[in-house]
């Protein structure tokens, strides 16, 4: 089987990182980084030189020469770019969120099914080594607490913090809980942009699990942590450090007390973006996206939009 020919549309912050990782895979002979394109052709030329590939003059030229496309353009442009790629029968890895609206996301997934194309959404943290280490051990969480916070990014952002940052944790929670919440309470505030820059949501699921999720892009010190509490203990995951701590209650002692033990799990640290690209490569070869509950990208977007809709207006808070 010939190597998968990949093209990248959009080589800003994330697209440049994708180009570097695809080039690394190409060096192993697994794929070919055929070309890149961007509305800013000067930037495209710069990235192409850095990773040793060519520039396609536009989307149509790129689509005509590759097997698969990585889409890293602004969210408002996801639908148009992914639609053209899938219409041409290509497989697509699109940065999260899948699209700007539910209707657009549904249309893309429907077209993917019609054309037999893989449409994978880039929820990167699912491929963090710490998350992968314990995903199968988190079986019935009762309470989840997530914090994803950091300073304002040195890149353009065209969406609120819920779709920009919180959606990573929403994706993970939905996959592991395996159902959508029946109740959503939320609050959010614009600080630097006209969009919501800091947000908190409380999610109540039909099975009884409750999740408290906070995201901020106006916090000086970065933090990306999530904790899962279940009957036999809890898992504390640090995405930045790729670290997991497991707390468990031991057997009762002679006095009936059950001591709590803390264990730091061994983690084989990996590059999450490279892991995601390998997953996409497998999906293209095996003709399906990696299995997992609620993993189509649309569910996370739907929940993100529900959270935004649940927020009271600023006027209501005064």
C-alpha atoms as a PDB file:
ATOM      1  CA  UNK A   1       0.000   0.000   0.000  1.00  0.00           C
ATOM      2  CA  UNK A   2       1.373   3.410  -0.938  1.00  0.00           C
ATOM      3  CA  UNK A   3       1.991   6.029   1.738  1.00  0.00           C
ATOM      4  CA  UNK A   4      -0.922   8.304   2.617  1.00  0.00           C
ATOM      5  CA  UNK A   5      -0.564  11.678   0.870  1.00  0.00           C
ATOM      6  CA  UNK A   6      -1.578  14.452   3.266  1.00  0.00           C
ATOM      7  CA  UNK A   7      -2.197  18.129   2.593  1.00  0.00           C
ATOM      8  CA  UNK A   8      -2.633  20.834   5.221  1.00  0.00           C
ATOM      9  CA  UNK A   9      -5.053  23.736   4.816  1.00  0.00           C
ATOM     10  CA  UNK A  10      -4.146  26.654   7.070  1.00  0.00           C
ATOM     11  CA  UNK A  11      -0.619  26.948   8.462  1.00  0.00           C
ATOM     12  CA  UNK A  12      -1.078  29.393  11.300  1.00  0.00           C
ATOM     13  CA  UNK A  13      -0.299  28.310  14.860  1.00  0.00           C
ATOM     14  CA  UNK A  14      -1.855  24.822  14.798  1.00  0.00           C
ATOM     15  CA  UNK A  15      -1.333  24.188  11.100  1.00  0.00           C
ATOM     16  CA  UNK A  16       2.390  24.810  11.470  1.00  0.00           C
ATOM     17  CA  UNK A  17       2.535  22.294  14.330  1.00  0.00           C
ATOM     18  CA  UNK A  18       0.638  19.754  12.234  1.00  0.00           C
ATOM     19  CA  UNK A  19       3.092  20.275   9.378  1.00  0.00           C
ATOM     20  CA  UNK A  20       6.030  19.562  11.677  1.00  0.00           C
ATOM     21  CA  UNK A  21       4.471  16.357  12.997  1.00  0.00           C
ATOM     22  CA  UNK A  22       3.370  15.085   9.586  1.00  0.00           C
ATOM     23  CA  UNK A  23       6.906  15.745   8.339  1.00  0.00           C
ATOM     24  CA  UNK A  24       8.210  13.654  11.255  1.00  0.00           C
ATOM     25  CA  UNK A  25       5.890  10.793  10.277  1.00  0.00           C
ATOM     26  CA  UNK A  26       6.925  11.228   6.644  1.00  0.00           C
ATOM     27  CA  UNK A  27      10.550  10.715   7.667  1.00  0.00           C
ATOM     28  CA  UNK A  28       9.530   7.243   8.865  1.00  0.00           C
ATOM     29  CA  UNK A  29       7.928   6.473   5.502  1.00  0.00           C
ATOM     30  CA  UNK A  30       4.413   6.174   6.921  1.00  0.00           C
ATOM     31  CA  UNK A  31       2.922   9.191   5.142  1.00  0.00           C
ATOM     32  CA  UNK A  32       3.836  11.878   2.625  1.00  0.00           C
ATOM     33  CA  UNK A  33       3.396  15.565   3.408  1.00  0.00           C
ATOM     34  CA  UNK A  34       2.420  16.409  -0.137  1.00  0.00           C
ATOM     35  CA  UNK A  35       1.672  20.129   0.188  1.00  0.00           C
ATOM     36  CA  UNK A  36       0.304  22.962   2.310  1.00  0.00           C
ATOM     37  CA  UNK A  37      -1.816  25.971   1.506  1.00  0.00           C
ATOM     38  CA  UNK A  38      -2.953  29.136   3.241  1.00  0.00           C
ATOM     39  CA  UNK A  39      -4.663  32.383   2.276  1.00  0.00           C
ATOM     40  CA  UNK A  40      -1.307  33.938   3.179  1.00  0.00           C
ATOM     41  CA  UNK A  41       0.881  32.307   0.530  1.00  0.00           C
ATOM     42  CA  UNK A  42       4.012  33.920   1.956  1.00  0.00           C
ATOM     43  CA  UNK A  43       3.376  32.122   5.255  1.00  0.00           C
ATOM     44  CA  UNK A  44       2.638  28.921   3.351  1.00  0.00           C
ATOM     45  CA  UNK A  45       5.971  29.215   1.511  1.00  0.00           C
ATOM     46  CA  UNK A  46       7.779  29.743   4.801  1.00  0.00           C
ATOM     47  CA  UNK A  47       6.244  26.655   6.405  1.00  0.00           C
ATOM     48  CA  UNK A  48       6.745  24.569   3.259  1.00  0.00           C
ATOM     49  CA  UNK A  49      10.462  25.410   3.214  1.00  0.00           C
ATOM     50  CA  UNK A  50      10.814  24.578   6.897  1.00  0.00           C
ATOM     51  CA  UNK A  51       9.315  21.097   6.539  1.00  0.00           C
ATOM     52  CA  UNK A  52      10.454  20.264   3.032  1.00  0.00           C
ATOM     53  CA  UNK A  53       7.210  20.228   1.087  1.00  0.00           C
ATOM     54  CA  UNK A  54       5.421  22.215  -1.621  1.00  0.00           C
ATOM     55  CA  UNK A  55       2.762  24.912  -1.671  1.00  0.00           C
ATOM     56  CA  UNK A  56      -0.600  24.460  -3.359  1.00  0.00           C
ATOM     57  CA  UNK A  57      -1.885  27.768  -4.707  1.00  0.00           C
ATOM     58  CA  UNK A  58      -5.369  27.254  -3.255  1.00  0.00           C
ATOM     59  CA  UNK A  59      -7.763  24.705  -1.761  1.00  0.00           C
ATOM     60  CA  UNK A  60      -8.849  23.330  -5.125  1.00  0.00           C
ATOM     61  CA  UNK A  61      -5.254  22.673  -6.146  1.00  0.00           C
ATOM     62  CA  UNK A  62      -4.513  20.930  -2.843  1.00  0.00           C
ATOM     63  CA  UNK A  63      -7.619  18.736  -2.947  1.00  0.00           C
ATOM     64  CA  UNK A  64      -6.727  17.504  -6.432  1.00  0.00           C
ATOM     65  CA  UNK A  65      -3.426  15.961  -5.351  1.00  0.00           C
ATOM     66  CA  UNK A  66      -3.850  14.355  -1.893  1.00  0.00           C
ATOM     67  CA  UNK A  67      -5.614  11.452  -0.148  1.00  0.00           C
ATOM     68  CA  UNK A  68      -6.297  13.219   3.124  1.00  0.00           C
ATOM     69  CA  UNK A  69      -6.526  16.764   4.449  1.00  0.00           C
ATOM     70  CA  UNK A  70      -5.762  18.371   7.792  1.00  0.00           C
ATOM     71  CA  UNK A  71      -7.881  21.493   8.281  1.00  0.00           C
ATOM     72  CA  UNK A  72      -6.491  24.146  10.644  1.00  0.00           C
ATOM     73  CA  UNK A  73      -8.311  27.272   9.528  1.00  0.00           C
ATOM     74  CA  UNK A  74     -10.489  29.549  11.720  1.00  0.00           C
ATOM     75  CA  UNK A  75     -13.672  27.891  12.986  1.00  0.00           C
ATOM     76  CA  UNK A  76     -15.909  30.050  10.801  1.00  0.00           C
ATOM     77  CA  UNK A  77     -14.216  28.535   7.737  1.00  0.00           C
ATOM     78  CA  UNK A  78     -14.317  24.876   8.825  1.00  0.00           C
ATOM     79  CA  UNK A  79     -17.541  24.074   7.031  1.00  0.00           C
ATOM     80  CA  UNK A  80     -16.523  25.398   3.625  1.00  0.00           C
ATOM     81  CA  UNK A  81     -13.084  23.782   3.649  1.00  0.00           C
ATOM     82  CA  UNK A  82     -14.128  20.400   5.060  1.00  0.00           C
ATOM     83  CA  UNK A  83     -17.124  20.278   2.705  1.00  0.00           C
ATOM     84  CA  UNK A  84     -14.906  20.676  -0.366  1.00  0.00           C
ATOM     85  CA  UNK A  85     -12.467  18.025   0.847  1.00  0.00           C
ATOM     86  CA  UNK A  86     -15.139  15.481   1.731  1.00  0.00           C
ATOM     87  CA  UNK A  87     -17.085  16.192  -1.473  1.00  0.00           C
ATOM     88  CA  UNK A  88     -13.915  15.161  -3.314  1.00  0.00           C
ATOM     89  CA  UNK A  89     -13.918  11.862  -1.381  1.00  0.00           C
ATOM     90  CA  UNK A  90     -10.959  12.745   0.846  1.00  0.00           C
ATOM     91  CA  UNK A  91     -10.448  11.877   4.502  1.00  0.00           C
ATOM     92  CA  UNK A  92     -10.297  14.844   6.869  1.00  0.00           C
ATOM     93  CA  UNK A  93      -8.852  15.686  10.273  1.00  0.00           C
ATOM     94  CA  UNK A  94     -10.362  19.026  11.285  1.00  0.00           C
ATOM     95  CA  UNK A  95      -9.315  21.031  14.326  1.00  0.00           C
ATOM     96  CA  UNK A  96     -11.972  21.359  17.027  1.00  0.00           C
ATOM     97  CA  UNK A  97     -14.720  22.373  17.045  1.00  0.00           C
ATOM     98  CA  UNK A  98     -16.007  20.455  14.041  1.00  0.00           C
ATOM     99  CA  UNK A  99     -17.849  23.534  12.740  1.00  0.00           C
ATOM    100  CA  UNK A 100     -19.414  26.804  13.828  1.00  0.00           C
ATOM    101  CA  UNK A 101     -22.903  25.335  14.295  1.00  0.00           C
ATOM    102  CA  UNK A 102     -24.667  22.028  14.895  1.00  0.00           C
ATOM    103  CA  UNK A 103     -26.355  22.195  11.490  1.00  0.00           C
ATOM    104  CA  UNK A 104     -22.992  22.565   9.776  1.00  0.00           C
ATOM    105  CA  UNK A 105     -21.469  19.712  11.792  1.00  0.00           C
ATOM    106  CA  UNK A 106     -24.400  17.420  11.005  1.00  0.00           C
ATOM    107  CA  UNK A 107     -24.113  18.244   7.306  1.00  0.00           C
ATOM    108  CA  UNK A 108     -20.388  17.432   7.271  1.00  0.00           C
ATOM    109  CA  UNK A 109     -20.836  14.100   9.041  1.00  0.00           C
ATOM    110  CA  UNK A 110     -23.720  13.192   6.732  1.00  0.00           C
ATOM    111  CA  UNK A 111     -21.632  13.996   3.660  1.00  0.00           C
ATOM    112  CA  UNK A 112     -18.773  11.955   5.112  1.00  0.00           C
ATOM    113  CA  UNK A 113     -21.056   8.927   5.450  1.00  0.00           C
ATOM    114  CA  UNK A 114     -22.370   9.444   1.921  1.00  0.00           C
ATOM    115  CA  UNK A 115     -18.900   9.705   0.375  1.00  0.00           C
ATOM    116  CA  UNK A 116     -17.274   7.088   2.610  1.00  0.00           C
ATOM    117  CA  UNK A 117     -14.831   9.632   4.019  1.00  0.00           C
ATOM    118  CA  UNK A 118     -13.289   9.665   7.474  1.00  0.00           C
ATOM    119  CA  UNK A 119     -14.124  12.887   9.330  1.00  0.00           C
ATOM    120  CA  UNK A 120     -12.088  13.030  12.543  1.00  0.00           C
ATOM    121  CA  UNK A 121     -12.162  16.017  14.908  1.00  0.00           C
ATOM    122  CA  UNK A 122      -8.942  17.159  16.564  1.00  0.00           C
ATOM    123  CA  UNK A 123      -9.744  16.850  20.270  1.00  0.00           C
ATOM    124  CA  UNK A 124      -6.079  16.663  21.159  1.00  0.00           C
ATOM    125  CA  UNK A 125      -6.202  15.997  24.911  1.00  0.00           C
ATOM    126  CA  UNK A 126      -7.812  12.599  24.371  1.00  0.00           C
ATOM    127  CA  UNK A 127      -4.368  11.598  23.057  1.00  0.00           C
ATOM    128  CA  UNK A 128      -2.445  12.955  26.050  1.00  0.00           C
ATOM    129  CA  UNK A 129      -0.393  10.083  27.499  1.00  0.00           C
ATOM    130  CA  UNK A 130      -1.798  10.634  31.001  1.00  0.00           C
ATOM    131  CA  UNK A 131      -5.363  10.416  29.705  1.00  0.00           C
ATOM    132  CA  UNK A 132      -4.629   7.329  27.647  1.00  0.00           C
ATOM    133  CA  UNK A 133      -3.022   5.637  30.656  1.00  0.00           C
ATOM    134  CA  UNK A 134      -6.210   5.637  32.747  1.00  0.00           C
ATOM    135  CA  UNK A 135      -9.100   6.034  30.288  1.00  0.00           C
ATOM    136  CA  UNK A 136     -10.103   2.375  30.597  1.00  0.00           C
ATOM    137  CA  UNK A 137      -9.907   2.470  34.414  1.00  0.00           C
ATOM    138  CA  UNK A 138     -12.402   5.326  34.779  1.00  0.00           C
ATOM    139  CA  UNK A 139     -15.559   3.249  34.780  1.00  0.00           C
ATOM    140  CA  UNK A 140     -18.333   5.022  36.689  1.00  0.00           C
ATOM    141  CA  UNK A 141     -17.368   8.531  37.802  1.00  0.00           C
ATOM    142  CA  UNK A 142     -19.736  10.210  40.250  1.00  0.00           C
ATOM    143  CA  UNK A 143     -18.105  13.633  40.332  1.00  0.00           C
ATOM    144  CA  UNK A 144     -15.701  15.295  37.911  1.00  0.00           C
ATOM    145  CA  UNK A 145     -13.775  18.512  38.386  1.00  0.00           C
ATOM    146  CA  UNK A 146     -11.847  20.132  35.530  1.00  0.00           C
ATOM    147  CA  UNK A 147      -9.716  23.269  35.304  1.00  0.00           C
ATOM    148  CA  UNK A 148      -8.210  24.460  32.017  1.00  0.00           C
ATOM    149  CA  UNK A 149      -6.701  27.888  32.528  1.00  0.00           C
ATOM    150  CA  UNK A 150      -3.917  30.048  31.176  1.00  0.00           C
ATOM    151  CA  UNK A 151      -2.901  33.466  29.855  1.00  0.00           C
ATOM    152  CA  UNK A 152      -4.433  34.954  26.750  1.00  0.00           C
ATOM    153  CA  UNK A 153      -2.937  33.132  23.732  1.00  0.00           C
ATOM    154  CA  UNK A 154      -0.506  34.804  21.365  1.00  0.00           C
ATOM    155  CA  UNK A 155      -2.684  33.713  18.460  1.00  0.00           C
ATOM    156  CA  UNK A 156      -5.945  34.899  17.033  1.00  0.00           C
ATOM    157  CA  UNK A 157      -9.078  33.305  18.448  1.00  0.00           C
ATOM    158  CA  UNK A 158     -12.466  33.628  16.792  1.00  0.00           C
ATOM    159  CA  UNK A 159     -14.542  31.769  19.388  1.00  0.00           C
ATOM    160  CA  UNK A 160     -15.395  31.971  23.080  1.00  0.00           C
ATOM    161  CA  UNK A 161     -13.343  30.166  25.731  1.00  0.00           C
ATOM    162  CA  UNK A 162     -15.898  27.342  25.905  1.00  0.00           C
ATOM    163  CA  UNK A 163     -15.305  26.323  22.287  1.00  0.00           C
ATOM    164  CA  UNK A 164     -11.641  27.332  22.433  1.00  0.00           C
ATOM    165  CA  UNK A 165     -10.507  25.572  25.640  1.00  0.00           C
ATOM    166  CA  UNK A 166     -13.309  24.020  27.687  1.00  0.00           C
ATOM    167  CA  UNK A 167     -14.369  21.832  24.777  1.00  0.00           C
ATOM    168  CA  UNK A 168     -11.282  19.640  25.346  1.00  0.00           C
ATOM    169  CA  UNK A 169     -12.583  18.652  28.780  1.00  0.00           C
ATOM    170  CA  UNK A 170     -16.170  18.397  27.556  1.00  0.00           C
ATOM    171  CA  UNK A 171     -15.049  15.904  24.916  1.00  0.00           C
ATOM    172  CA  UNK A 172     -13.252  13.771  27.503  1.00  0.00           C
ATOM    173  CA  UNK A 173     -16.138  13.901  29.990  1.00  0.00           C
ATOM    174  CA  UNK A 174     -18.687  12.929  27.336  1.00  0.00           C
ATOM    175  CA  UNK A 175     -16.584   9.996  26.154  1.00  0.00           C
ATOM    176  CA  UNK A 176     -16.100   8.618  29.667  1.00  0.00           C
ATOM    177  CA  UNK A 177     -19.552   9.283  31.102  1.00  0.00           C
ATOM    178  CA  UNK A 178     -21.134   7.993  27.897  1.00  0.00           C
ATOM    179  CA  UNK A 179     -24.192  10.264  27.926  1.00  0.00           C
ATOM    180  CA  UNK A 180     -25.110  13.906  27.539  1.00  0.00           C
ATOM    181  CA  UNK A 181     -26.122  15.994  30.570  1.00  0.00           C
ATOM    182  CA  UNK A 182     -29.767  16.562  31.316  1.00  0.00           C
ATOM    183  CA  UNK A 183     -29.092  19.826  33.128  1.00  0.00           C
ATOM    184  CA  UNK A 184     -26.598  22.596  32.368  1.00  0.00           C
ATOM    185  CA  UNK A 185     -25.878  25.619  34.569  1.00  0.00           C
ATOM    186  CA  UNK A 186     -23.226  28.105  33.492  1.00  0.00           C
ATOM    187  CA  UNK A 187     -21.743  31.538  33.866  1.00  0.00           C
ATOM    188  CA  UNK A 188     -19.223  33.365  31.704  1.00  0.00           C
ATOM    189  CA  UNK A 189     -17.637  36.785  31.407  1.00  0.00           C
ATOM    190  CA  UNK A 190     -15.784  38.632  28.613  1.00  0.00           C
ATOM    191  CA  UNK A 191     -12.551  40.131  29.927  1.00  0.00           C
ATOM    192  CA  UNK A 192     -10.166  40.832  27.044  1.00  0.00           C
ATOM    193  CA  UNK A 193     -12.254  40.077  23.975  1.00  0.00           C
ATOM    194  CA  UNK A 194     -15.902  40.608  23.158  1.00  0.00           C
ATOM    195  CA  UNK A 195     -16.364  36.850  23.565  1.00  0.00           C
ATOM    196  CA  UNK A 196     -16.585  35.012  26.904  1.00  0.00           C
ATOM    197  CA  UNK A 197     -13.005  34.621  28.196  1.00  0.00           C
ATOM    198  CA  UNK A 198     -13.648  32.839  31.512  1.00  0.00           C
ATOM    199  CA  UNK A 199     -16.455  30.363  32.130  1.00  0.00           C
ATOM    200  CA  UNK A 200     -17.730  27.786  34.574  1.00  0.00           C
ATOM    201  CA  UNK A 201     -20.320  25.092  33.966  1.00  0.00           C
ATOM    202  CA  UNK A 202     -22.038  22.582  36.225  1.00  0.00           C
ATOM    203  CA  UNK A 203     -23.296  19.544  34.338  1.00  0.00           C
ATOM    204  CA  UNK A 204     -25.733  16.998  35.765  1.00  0.00           C
ATOM    205  CA  UNK A 205     -26.011  13.690  33.914  1.00  0.00           C
ATOM    206  CA  UNK A 206     -28.990  11.269  33.841  1.00  0.00           C
ATOM    207  CA  UNK A 207     -26.921   8.559  35.543  1.00  0.00           C
ATOM    208  CA  UNK A 208     -26.182  10.822  38.512  1.00  0.00           C
ATOM    209  CA  UNK A 209     -22.691  12.045  37.672  1.00  0.00           C
ATOM    210  CA  UNK A 210     -22.012  15.753  38.210  1.00  0.00           C
ATOM    211  CA  UNK A 211     -19.186  17.670  36.529  1.00  0.00           C
ATOM    212  CA  UNK A 212     -17.859  21.102  37.456  1.00  0.00           C
ATOM    213  CA  UNK A 213     -15.821  22.530  34.582  1.00  0.00           C
ATOM    214  CA  UNK A 214     -13.857  25.796  34.502  1.00  0.00           C
ATOM    215  CA  UNK A 215     -11.973  27.354  31.600  1.00  0.00           C
ATOM    216  CA  UNK A 216     -10.098  30.642  31.434  1.00  0.00           C
ATOM    217  CA  UNK A 217      -7.783  32.338  28.965  1.00  0.00           C
ATOM    218  CA  UNK A 218      -7.118  35.274  31.296  1.00  0.00           C
ATOM    219  CA  UNK A 219      -5.257  33.445  34.088  1.00  0.00           C
ATOM    220  CA  UNK A 220      -1.491  34.105  34.479  1.00  0.00           C
ATOM    221  CA  UNK A 221      -0.451  30.571  35.511  1.00  0.00           C
ATOM    222  CA  UNK A 222      -1.336  27.691  33.168  1.00  0.00           C
ATOM    223  CA  UNK A 223      -3.323  24.797  34.641  1.00  0.00           C
ATOM    224  CA  UNK A 224      -4.830  21.830  32.824  1.00  0.00           C
ATOM    225  CA  UNK A 225      -6.131  19.319  35.325  1.00  0.00           C
ATOM    226  CA  UNK A 226      -9.110  17.022  35.662  1.00  0.00           C
ATOM    227  CA  UNK A 227     -10.156  14.745  38.519  1.00  0.00           C
ATOM    228  CA  UNK A 228     -12.539  11.798  38.368  1.00  0.00           C
ATOM    229  CA  UNK A 229     -14.104  10.579  41.618  1.00  0.00           C
ATOM    230  CA  UNK A 230     -15.674   7.142  41.683  1.00  0.00           C
ATOM    231  CA  UNK A 231     -16.601   4.578  44.318  1.00  0.00           C
ATOM    232  CA  UNK A 232     -13.188   2.940  44.548  1.00  0.00           C
ATOM    233  CA  UNK A 233     -11.109   6.133  44.564  1.00  0.00           C
ATOM    234  CA  UNK A 234     -10.192   9.010  42.322  1.00  0.00           C
ATOM    235  CA  UNK A 235      -7.854   9.830  39.454  1.00  0.00           C
ATOM    236  CA  UNK A 236      -6.117  13.208  39.261  1.00  0.00           C
ATOM    237  CA  UNK A 237      -4.762  13.942  35.782  1.00  0.00           C
ATOM    238  CA  UNK A 238      -2.333  16.754  34.997  1.00  0.00           C
ATOM    239  CA  UNK A 239      -2.285  17.223  31.227  1.00  0.00           C
ATOM    240  CA  UNK A 240       0.650  19.636  31.223  1.00  0.00           C
ATOM    241  CA  UNK A 241       2.908  17.368  33.274  1.00  0.00           C
ATOM    242  CA  UNK A 242       1.460  14.169  31.722  1.00  0.00           C
ATOM    243  CA  UNK A 243       1.049  12.920  35.267  1.00  0.00           C
ATOM    244  CA  UNK A 244      -1.602  10.805  37.036  1.00  0.00           C
ATOM    245  CA  UNK A 245      -2.160  10.333  40.761  1.00  0.00           C
ATOM    246  CA  UNK A 246      -4.476   7.560  41.939  1.00  0.00           C
ATOM    247  CA  UNK A 247      -6.063   7.729  45.397  1.00  0.00           C
ATOM    248  CA  UNK A 248      -7.685   4.565  46.742  1.00  0.00           C
ATOM    249  CA  UNK A 249      -9.100   3.414  50.050  1.00  0.00           C
ATOM    250  CA  UNK A 250      -7.484   0.284  51.421  1.00  0.00           C
ATOM    251  CA  UNK A 251      -9.045  -2.635  53.278  1.00  0.00           C
ATOM    252  CA  UNK A 252     -10.372  -1.916  56.799  1.00  0.00           C
ATOM    253  CA  UNK A 253      -7.821  -2.280  59.588  1.00  0.00           C
ATOM    254  CA  UNK A 254      -8.487  -3.826  62.996  1.00  0.00           C
ATOM    255  CA  UNK A 255     -10.302  -0.684  64.107  1.00  0.00           C
ATOM    256  CA  UNK A 256     -12.431  -0.498  60.972  1.00  0.00           C
ATOM    257  CA  UNK A 257     -10.566   2.416  59.443  1.00  0.00           C
ATOM    258  CA  UNK A 258      -9.802   2.383  55.743  1.00  0.00           C
ATOM    259  CA  UNK A 259      -6.542   4.196  55.012  1.00  0.00           C
ATOM    260  CA  UNK A 260      -6.184   6.151  51.786  1.00  0.00           C
ATOM    261  CA  UNK A 261      -3.171   5.389  49.627  1.00  0.00           C
ATOM    262  CA  UNK A 262      -1.759   7.748  47.002  1.00  0.00           C
ATOM    263  CA  UNK A 263       0.022   6.289  43.993  1.00  0.00           C
ATOM    264  CA  UNK A 264       1.724   8.143  41.184  1.00  0.00           C
ATOM    265  CA  UNK A 265       1.248   6.047  38.073  1.00  0.00           C
ATOM    266  CA  UNK A 266       4.014   5.338  35.618  1.00  0.00           C
ATOM    267  CA  UNK A 267       3.446   7.214  32.363  1.00  0.00           C
ATOM    268  CA  UNK A 268       5.229   6.676  29.056  1.00  0.00           C
ATOM    269  CA  UNK A 269       5.172  10.319  28.001  1.00  0.00           C
ATOM    270  CA  UNK A 270       4.276  10.901  24.370  1.00  0.00           C
ATOM    271  CA  UNK A 271       3.611  13.710  21.945  1.00  0.00           C
ATOM    272  CA  UNK A 272      -0.193  14.062  21.909  1.00  0.00           C
ATOM    273  CA  UNK A 273      -0.323  15.707  18.477  1.00  0.00           C
ATOM    274  CA  UNK A 274       1.819  12.956  16.980  1.00  0.00           C
ATOM    275  CA  UNK A 275      -0.440  10.385  18.638  1.00  0.00           C
ATOM    276  CA  UNK A 276      -3.505  12.055  17.166  1.00  0.00           C
ATOM    277  CA  UNK A 277      -1.973  12.027  13.691  1.00  0.00           C
ATOM    278  CA  UNK A 278      -1.147   8.332  14.022  1.00  0.00           C
ATOM    279  CA  UNK A 279      -4.778   7.755  15.019  1.00  0.00           C
ATOM    280  CA  UNK A 280      -5.900   9.634  11.909  1.00  0.00           C
ATOM    281  CA  UNK A 281      -3.539   7.594   9.756  1.00  0.00           C
ATOM    282  CA  UNK A 282      -5.023   4.374  11.195  1.00  0.00           C
ATOM    283  CA  UNK A 283      -8.539   5.705  10.607  1.00  0.00           C
ATOM    284  CA  UNK A 284      -7.711   6.372   6.959  1.00  0.00           C
ATOM    285  CA  UNK A 285      -6.248   2.879   6.578  1.00  0.00           C
ATOM    286  CA  UNK A 286      -8.924   0.996   8.535  1.00  0.00           C
ATOM    287  CA  UNK A 287     -11.793   3.225   7.292  1.00  0.00           C
ATOM    288  CA  UNK A 288     -13.211   4.254  10.660  1.00  0.00           C
ATOM    289  CA  UNK A 289     -12.409   6.683  13.457  1.00  0.00           C
ATOM    290  CA  UNK A 290     -11.065   5.194  16.681  1.00  0.00           C
ATOM    291  CA  UNK A 291     -13.873   3.708  18.762  1.00  0.00           C
ATOM    292  CA  UNK A 292     -15.189   5.525  21.810  1.00  0.00           C
ATOM    293  CA  UNK A 293     -18.457   6.796  23.229  1.00  0.00           C
ATOM    294  CA  UNK A 294     -19.689  10.118  21.859  1.00  0.00           C
ATOM    295  CA  UNK A 295     -16.516  10.764  19.893  1.00  0.00           C
ATOM    296  CA  UNK A 296     -17.820  12.301  16.669  1.00  0.00           C
ATOM    297  CA  UNK A 297     -16.998  15.879  17.677  1.00  0.00           C
ATOM    298  CA  UNK A 298     -20.602  16.968  17.216  1.00  0.00           C
ATOM    299  CA  UNK A 299     -21.617  15.995  20.758  1.00  0.00           C
ATOM    300  CA  UNK A 300     -18.902  18.148  22.316  1.00  0.00           C
ATOM    301  CA  UNK A 301     -19.927  21.101  20.163  1.00  0.00           C
ATOM    302  CA  UNK A 302     -23.581  20.627  21.088  1.00  0.00           C
ATOM    303  CA  UNK A 303     -22.695  20.691  24.788  1.00  0.00           C
ATOM    304  CA  UNK A 304     -20.445  23.738  24.336  1.00  0.00           C
ATOM    305  CA  UNK A 305     -23.311  25.620  22.708  1.00  0.00           C
ATOM    306  CA  UNK A 306     -25.719  24.512  25.455  1.00  0.00           C
ATOM    307  CA  UNK A 307     -23.290  25.944  28.007  1.00  0.00           C
ATOM    308  CA  UNK A 308     -23.130  29.257  26.174  1.00  0.00           C
ATOM    309  CA  UNK A 309     -26.933  29.381  25.937  1.00  0.00           C
ATOM    310  CA  UNK A 310     -27.247  28.695  29.681  1.00  0.00           C
ATOM    311  CA  UNK A 311     -25.183  31.732  30.657  1.00  0.00           C
ATOM    312  CA  UNK A 312     -27.116  34.733  31.979  1.00  0.00           C
ATOM    313  CA  UNK A 313     -26.508  37.999  30.150  1.00  0.00           C
ATOM    314  CA  UNK A 314     -24.133  40.524  31.659  1.00  0.00           C
ATOM    315  CA  UNK A 315     -27.116  42.792  32.273  1.00  0.00           C
ATOM    316  CA  UNK A 316     -28.779  40.058  34.321  1.00  0.00           C
ATOM    317  CA  UNK A 317     -25.714  39.826  36.557  1.00  0.00           C
ATOM    318  CA  UNK A 318     -25.757  43.509  37.467  1.00  0.00           C
END
